[in-house]
Structures are given as C-alpha cells and as structure tokens.
Amino acid sequence: MTTLTCPAKVNLYLAILGRDPSGYHLIDTVFVRVPEPADTLEIELAKEFMFECETLSAEKNSVMKAVRLLEQKSGRKFLYHIRLTKNIPMQSGLGGGSSDAAALLLYLNRQENLGFTREQLMELGAQIGMDVPFFLSGYEVARGTHYGEKITPLPSLPPSFHIDIGFTNIPVSTKGAFATWDKRGLQSTAPTFSNDITNNIHNDFEQIFPDLSFKKINTVLSGSGGAYAILTSVKA
C-alpha cells in the first residue's frame, strides 16, 4: 500500500480583476503550501477499481475526476483501491480537493508510466479545478494568474515567518462567493501586486465574508473562506 500526503494551501494575496467574455473571473493570487492540515490517500492494486471516503460520494469528488480524466486521456483503466481520509475541511478555502486530485494525478502518471510532463499534467489539472495546477507545480510559493491556473514561482517566505491556520467554521462555496461578488457589483481593493508578499497580505473576498471577527494584523482569509492564515514572526 502507498500512502500519499495531500497538503493544504493558503492564499496570502487574492485580487479579483473582473470577468472575461466567457464569464470566468480573472484573479491574481499568491499560493503558499502548508503542511497541516493534510488529507491522505491510501492506494493499493486491486482486481477492480474501488474508491472509499466517509465524507464524499463515490463519484462527485476531485479524486474521481482525476481518475476518469486520466483514463480518458490515456485510454487505460486503473485497477486500484483508493481510500481518502479528509482532514482539510471542505469549502474552507484550503484547497483540499485540489490537493487530493494533484497527488493522484502525479501518482498514476508515475506508477502507470503514462509519460505526461508536469506541464501537461497542469493543463489537465485545470480541467478539474483552478487550484490543481499549483499543487502539481511542486512550488512552495507561487503566483496564480488568469483564473489562478497560470503558475509562476515566487521566492520563499522569510524563515522567520510562520503560518498557522484558523477556522471560522463557516463553509463557503467558491462558486457562491463569486456569485455574491457579482451580485453586489464589488470592485477589487487589492494593493498592486508585489513580490514582497508579507507586506501585501490581502483577500478581496473579505468584502463579502459574513464574519470578519478573526481579522487582526497579519491575518487573511484563504481563498473564498472560511479558513484563514495567521502570520507570525518567529525570532531565531
């Protein structure tokens, strides 16, 4: 059996830049990979495919989307028993589903010798979710542009910076959050993007979030919420 760890991400910067002619929202964001919380995938060969998860349906989840997409693109069938344990809360803005999908795409590509390059996997991953390419990229810190799927590496955060995760326990649908943004006719208040991320902590979705009681200096909502990042400076 192989066990894969699927880490979370936080967004330290997120600007909503409008919509393109297709109706999709254009964003500029900074992803940071964080080790905890993390989901786990347990994978072993089987005589027939099986997916297990206590909190997700057998078909409507990002892991199954990843399996079906690779089967379609490769013309192969994958016979594995996959067990997903969710520790990253759903609809928390921490990217759990995207991380799960990315981990499985990388595993199957390697294990089945499918031969997809990382760039090709990132293009496939964007068909599952716009956060998936970040997790496939291998970068610890990266800028996501266009819909968030165009990934550019950024310098690591200063060693003195530590990120904790706080939870509002308010589940938020990303689709619903964008719909609320549009309905209210809101505009971005984000500062101009700067590689000095620690001085540009911002998330436009805070304009619509129902409870900002978590807001203090160096805290920022992650994604569309409802988890948030807490940045502290740690002395050496």
Protein backbone atom coordinates (compact mmCIF):
# COMPACT_ATOMS: atom_id res chain seq x y z
CA MET A 1 0.00 0.00 0.00
CA THR A 2 1.15 3.53 -0.80
CA THR A 3 0.14 6.47 1.38
CA LEU A 4 0.16 9.95 -0.14
CA THR A 5 0.04 13.13 1.93
CA CYS A 6 -2.04 15.90 0.37
CA PRO A 7 -1.14 19.26 1.98
CA ALA A 8 -3.30 22.36 2.19
CA LYS A 9 -2.63 25.80 0.74
CA VAL A 10 -3.40 29.33 1.83
CA ASN A 11 -3.78 32.47 -0.25
CA LEU A 12 -1.86 35.40 1.19
CA TYR A 13 -2.96 37.68 -1.64
CA LEU A 14 -6.09 37.46 -3.79
CA ALA A 15 -7.33 40.14 -6.17
CA ILE A 16 -10.49 39.71 -8.25
CA LEU A 17 -9.84 41.53 -11.51
CA GLY A 18 -13.18 41.19 -13.26
CA ARG A 19 -14.60 38.70 -15.75
CA ASP A 20 -13.57 37.73 -19.24
CA PRO A 21 -16.03 37.33 -22.15
CA SER A 22 -16.64 33.70 -21.17
CA GLY A 23 -17.90 34.82 -17.76
CA TYR A 24 -14.99 33.37 -15.77
CA HIS A 25 -13.39 35.54 -13.11
CA LEU A 26 -9.83 36.71 -13.60
CA ILE A 27 -7.73 36.71 -10.45
CA ASP A 28 -4.23 37.41 -9.22
CA THR A 29 -3.26 35.38 -6.18
CA VAL A 30 -0.38 34.05 -4.11
CA PHE A 31 -0.49 30.40 -3.10
CA VAL A 32 1.56 29.07 -0.19
CA ARG A 33 1.73 25.36 0.53
CA VAL A 34 1.29 24.47 4.20
CA PRO A 35 1.92 21.03 5.73
CA GLU A 36 -1.10 20.94 8.02
CA PRO A 37 -3.90 20.15 7.84
CA ALA A 38 -3.44 17.46 5.21
CA ASP A 39 -5.58 14.78 3.61
CA THR A 40 -4.25 11.27 2.99
CA LEU A 41 -4.72 8.90 0.08
CA GLU A 42 -4.08 5.18 0.61
CA ILE A 43 -3.65 3.37 -2.69
CA GLU A 44 -3.15 -0.31 -3.50
CA LEU A 45 -3.58 -2.53 -6.54
CA ALA A 46 -6.91 -4.32 -6.78
CA LYS A 47 -8.82 -6.62 -9.10
CA GLU A 48 -11.34 -3.85 -9.72
CA PHE A 49 -11.43 -0.13 -9.07
CA MET A 50 -12.81 0.99 -5.71
CA PHE A 51 -12.98 4.41 -4.04
CA GLU A 52 -13.73 4.92 -0.36
CA CYS A 53 -14.27 8.09 1.65
CA GLU A 54 -16.50 8.59 4.66
CA THR A 55 -17.38 12.17 3.77
CA LEU A 56 -17.59 12.17 -0.05
CA SER A 57 -19.75 10.37 -2.58
CA ALA A 58 -18.18 7.72 -4.78
CA GLU A 59 -18.25 9.83 -7.96
CA LYS A 60 -18.71 13.52 -7.22
CA ASN A 61 -15.26 14.45 -5.94
CA SER A 62 -11.95 15.64 -7.32
CA VAL A 63 -10.18 12.29 -6.91
CA MET A 64 -12.69 10.53 -9.13
CA LYS A 65 -12.48 13.39 -11.63
CA ALA A 66 -8.72 12.86 -11.75
CA VAL A 67 -9.08 9.12 -12.31
CA ARG A 68 -11.69 9.49 -15.05
CA LEU A 69 -9.73 12.26 -16.78
CA LEU A 70 -6.51 10.22 -16.90
CA GLU A 71 -8.40 7.16 -18.10
CA GLN A 72 -9.90 9.22 -20.89
CA LYS A 73 -6.59 10.78 -21.92
CA SER A 74 -4.54 7.59 -21.68
CA GLY A 75 -7.10 5.05 -22.93
CA ARG A 76 -6.31 2.92 -19.88
CA LYS A 77 -8.30 1.57 -16.94
CA PHE A 78 -6.78 1.85 -13.49
CA LEU A 79 -7.44 -1.00 -11.06
CA TYR A 80 -6.76 0.39 -7.63
CA HIS A 81 -8.39 0.53 -4.24
CA ILE A 82 -8.23 4.19 -3.17
CA ARG A 83 -9.11 5.31 0.34
CA LEU A 84 -9.31 9.06 1.01
CA THR A 85 -9.22 10.45 4.53
CA LYS A 86 -10.31 14.08 4.73
CA ASN A 87 -8.61 16.26 7.33
CA ILE A 88 -8.82 19.50 5.35
CA PRO A 89 -12.34 20.87 5.87
CA MET A 90 -14.40 21.12 2.70
CA GLN A 91 -15.31 24.62 1.49
CA SER A 92 -12.63 26.12 3.73
CA GLY A 93 -10.51 27.80 1.05
CA LEU A 94 -7.57 25.49 1.83
CA GLY A 95 -7.65 23.57 -1.45
CA GLY A 96 -8.14 20.06 -0.07
CA GLY A 97 -9.95 18.66 -3.10
CA SER A 98 -7.39 20.18 -5.47
CA SER A 99 -4.51 18.78 -3.45
CA ASP A 100 -6.08 15.31 -3.46
CA ALA A 101 -6.54 15.40 -7.24
CA ALA A 102 -2.99 16.61 -7.84
CA ALA A 103 -1.46 13.91 -5.65
CA LEU A 104 -3.35 11.20 -7.51
CA LEU A 105 -2.51 12.60 -10.95
CA LEU A 106 1.19 12.58 -10.09
CA TYR A 107 1.00 9.09 -8.60
CA LEU A 108 -0.85 7.48 -11.52
CA ASN A 109 1.36 9.20 -14.09
CA ARG A 110 4.44 7.77 -12.38
CA GLN A 111 3.06 4.37 -11.38
CA GLU A 112 1.43 3.64 -14.74
CA ASN A 113 4.28 5.13 -16.81
CA LEU A 114 1.85 7.40 -18.65
CA GLY A 115 4.58 9.79 -19.72
CA PHE A 116 2.78 13.09 -19.18
CA THR A 117 5.09 16.01 -18.47
CA ARG A 118 4.44 18.18 -15.44
CA GLU A 119 3.22 20.95 -17.74
CA GLN A 120 0.78 18.56 -19.42
CA LEU A 121 -0.49 17.40 -16.05
CA MET A 122 -1.01 21.02 -15.01
CA GLU A 123 -3.10 21.61 -18.13
CA LEU A 124 -5.16 18.52 -17.31
CA GLY A 125 -5.44 19.53 -13.67
CA ALA A 126 -7.01 22.85 -14.61
CA GLN A 127 -9.93 20.86 -16.04
CA ILE A 128 -10.60 19.61 -12.51
CA GLY A 129 -10.06 22.85 -10.61
CA MET A 130 -8.08 26.05 -10.91
CA ASP A 131 -6.05 25.33 -7.75
CA VAL A 132 -4.90 21.92 -9.00
CA PRO A 133 -2.03 23.27 -11.18
CA PHE A 134 -0.45 24.92 -8.14
CA PHE A 135 -0.32 21.61 -6.26
CA LEU A 136 1.05 19.90 -9.38
CA SER A 137 3.73 22.54 -9.86
CA GLY A 138 5.80 21.44 -6.88
CA TYR A 139 6.37 25.05 -5.83
CA GLU A 140 6.05 26.04 -2.18
CA VAL A 141 5.10 29.64 -3.01
CA ALA A 142 3.69 30.72 -6.37
CA ARG A 143 1.67 33.38 -8.10
CA GLY A 144 -1.52 32.26 -9.82
CA THR A 145 -2.89 34.45 -12.62
CA HIS A 146 -5.64 34.26 -15.28
CA TYR A 147 -8.17 32.06 -13.44
CA GLY A 148 -5.48 31.07 -10.95
CA GLU A 149 -4.15 28.22 -13.08
CA LYS A 150 -1.21 30.09 -14.65
CA ILE A 151 1.57 29.41 -12.17
CA THR A 152 4.79 31.36 -11.64
CA PRO A 153 7.21 30.51 -8.79
CA LEU A 154 7.89 33.12 -6.15
CA PRO A 155 10.67 33.42 -3.56
CA SER A 156 10.20 31.51 -0.35
CA LEU A 157 8.73 33.33 2.61
CA PRO A 158 11.28 34.62 5.13
CA PRO A 159 12.40 31.86 7.53
CA SER A 160 11.15 34.00 10.41
CA PHE A 161 7.57 33.85 9.15
CA HIS A 162 5.30 31.13 10.47
CA ILE A 163 1.81 30.37 9.18
CA ASP A 164 -0.94 28.96 11.40
CA ILE A 165 -4.45 28.15 10.22
CA GLY A 166 -7.57 29.45 11.92
CA PHE A 167 -11.09 28.24 11.24
CA THR A 168 -14.29 30.27 11.19
CA ASN A 169 -16.25 27.01 10.69
CA ILE A 170 -18.29 28.78 8.01
CA PRO A 171 -18.32 26.66 4.82
CA VAL A 172 -18.18 28.78 1.67
CA SER A 173 -18.74 27.64 -1.90
CA THR A 174 -16.28 29.33 -4.26
CA LYS A 175 -18.94 29.46 -6.95
CA GLY A 176 -21.36 31.03 -4.48
CA ALA A 177 -18.76 33.54 -3.33
CA PHE A 178 -18.14 34.74 -6.89
CA ALA A 179 -21.89 34.94 -7.46
CA THR A 180 -22.25 37.16 -4.38
CA TRP A 181 -19.35 39.32 -5.57
CA ASP A 182 -21.05 39.84 -8.93
CA LYS A 183 -24.48 40.45 -7.41
CA ARG A 184 -23.11 43.21 -5.20
CA GLY A 185 -21.13 44.76 -8.05
CA LEU A 186 -17.96 44.87 -5.96
CA GLN A 187 -14.55 46.07 -7.12
CA SER A 188 -11.09 44.96 -6.07
CA THR A 189 -9.42 46.90 -3.27
CA ALA A 190 -6.18 44.90 -3.55
CA PRO A 191 -2.83 46.71 -3.48
CA THR A 192 -0.70 46.44 -6.61
CA PHE A 193 0.98 43.03 -6.64
CA SER A 194 4.44 42.92 -5.13
CA ASN A 195 6.87 40.07 -4.62
CA ASP A 196 7.23 41.30 -1.04
CA ILE A 197 4.21 39.22 -0.09
CA THR A 198 4.39 39.78 3.65
CA ASN A 199 3.68 43.49 3.10
CA ASN A 200 0.76 42.88 0.72
CA ILE A 201 -1.49 40.50 2.63
CA HIS A 202 -4.96 40.89 1.16
CA ASN A 203 -8.05 38.98 0.01
CA ASP A 204 -10.86 40.68 -1.90
CA PHE A 205 -13.32 38.01 -0.72
CA GLU A 206 -13.20 39.56 2.73
CA GLN A 207 -15.60 42.17 1.32
CA ILE A 208 -18.35 39.55 1.22
CA PHE A 209 -17.37 37.25 4.07
CA PRO A 210 -20.14 37.10 6.71
CA ASP A 211 -17.89 37.19 9.79
CA LEU A 212 -14.60 39.11 9.98
CA SER A 213 -14.16 38.69 13.72
CA PHE A 214 -10.89 36.85 13.01
CA LYS A 215 -9.32 39.96 11.45
CA LYS A 216 -6.17 41.14 13.15
CA ILE A 217 -2.83 42.37 11.87
CA ASN A 218 -1.27 39.71 9.62
CA THR A 219 -4.38 37.60 9.21
CA VAL A 220 -6.05 36.96 5.87
CA LEU A 221 -8.92 34.87 4.59
CA SER A 222 -7.78 31.94 2.44
CA GLY A 223 -9.47 31.51 -0.91
CA SER A 224 -13.18 32.20 -0.56
CA GLY A 225 -13.07 31.09 3.10
CA GLY A 226 -13.83 30.13 5.70
CA ALA A 227 -10.33 29.26 6.95
CA TYR A 228 -7.72 31.98 7.34
CA ALA A 229 -3.97 32.33 7.63
CA ILE A 230 -2.29 33.75 10.72
CA LEU A 231 1.23 35.03 10.06
CA THR A 232 3.63 35.49 12.93
CA SER A 233 7.24 36.50 13.03
CA VAL A 234 9.36 33.95 14.87
CA LYS A 235 12.68 35.02 16.35
CA ALA A 236 15.64 32.80 15.53
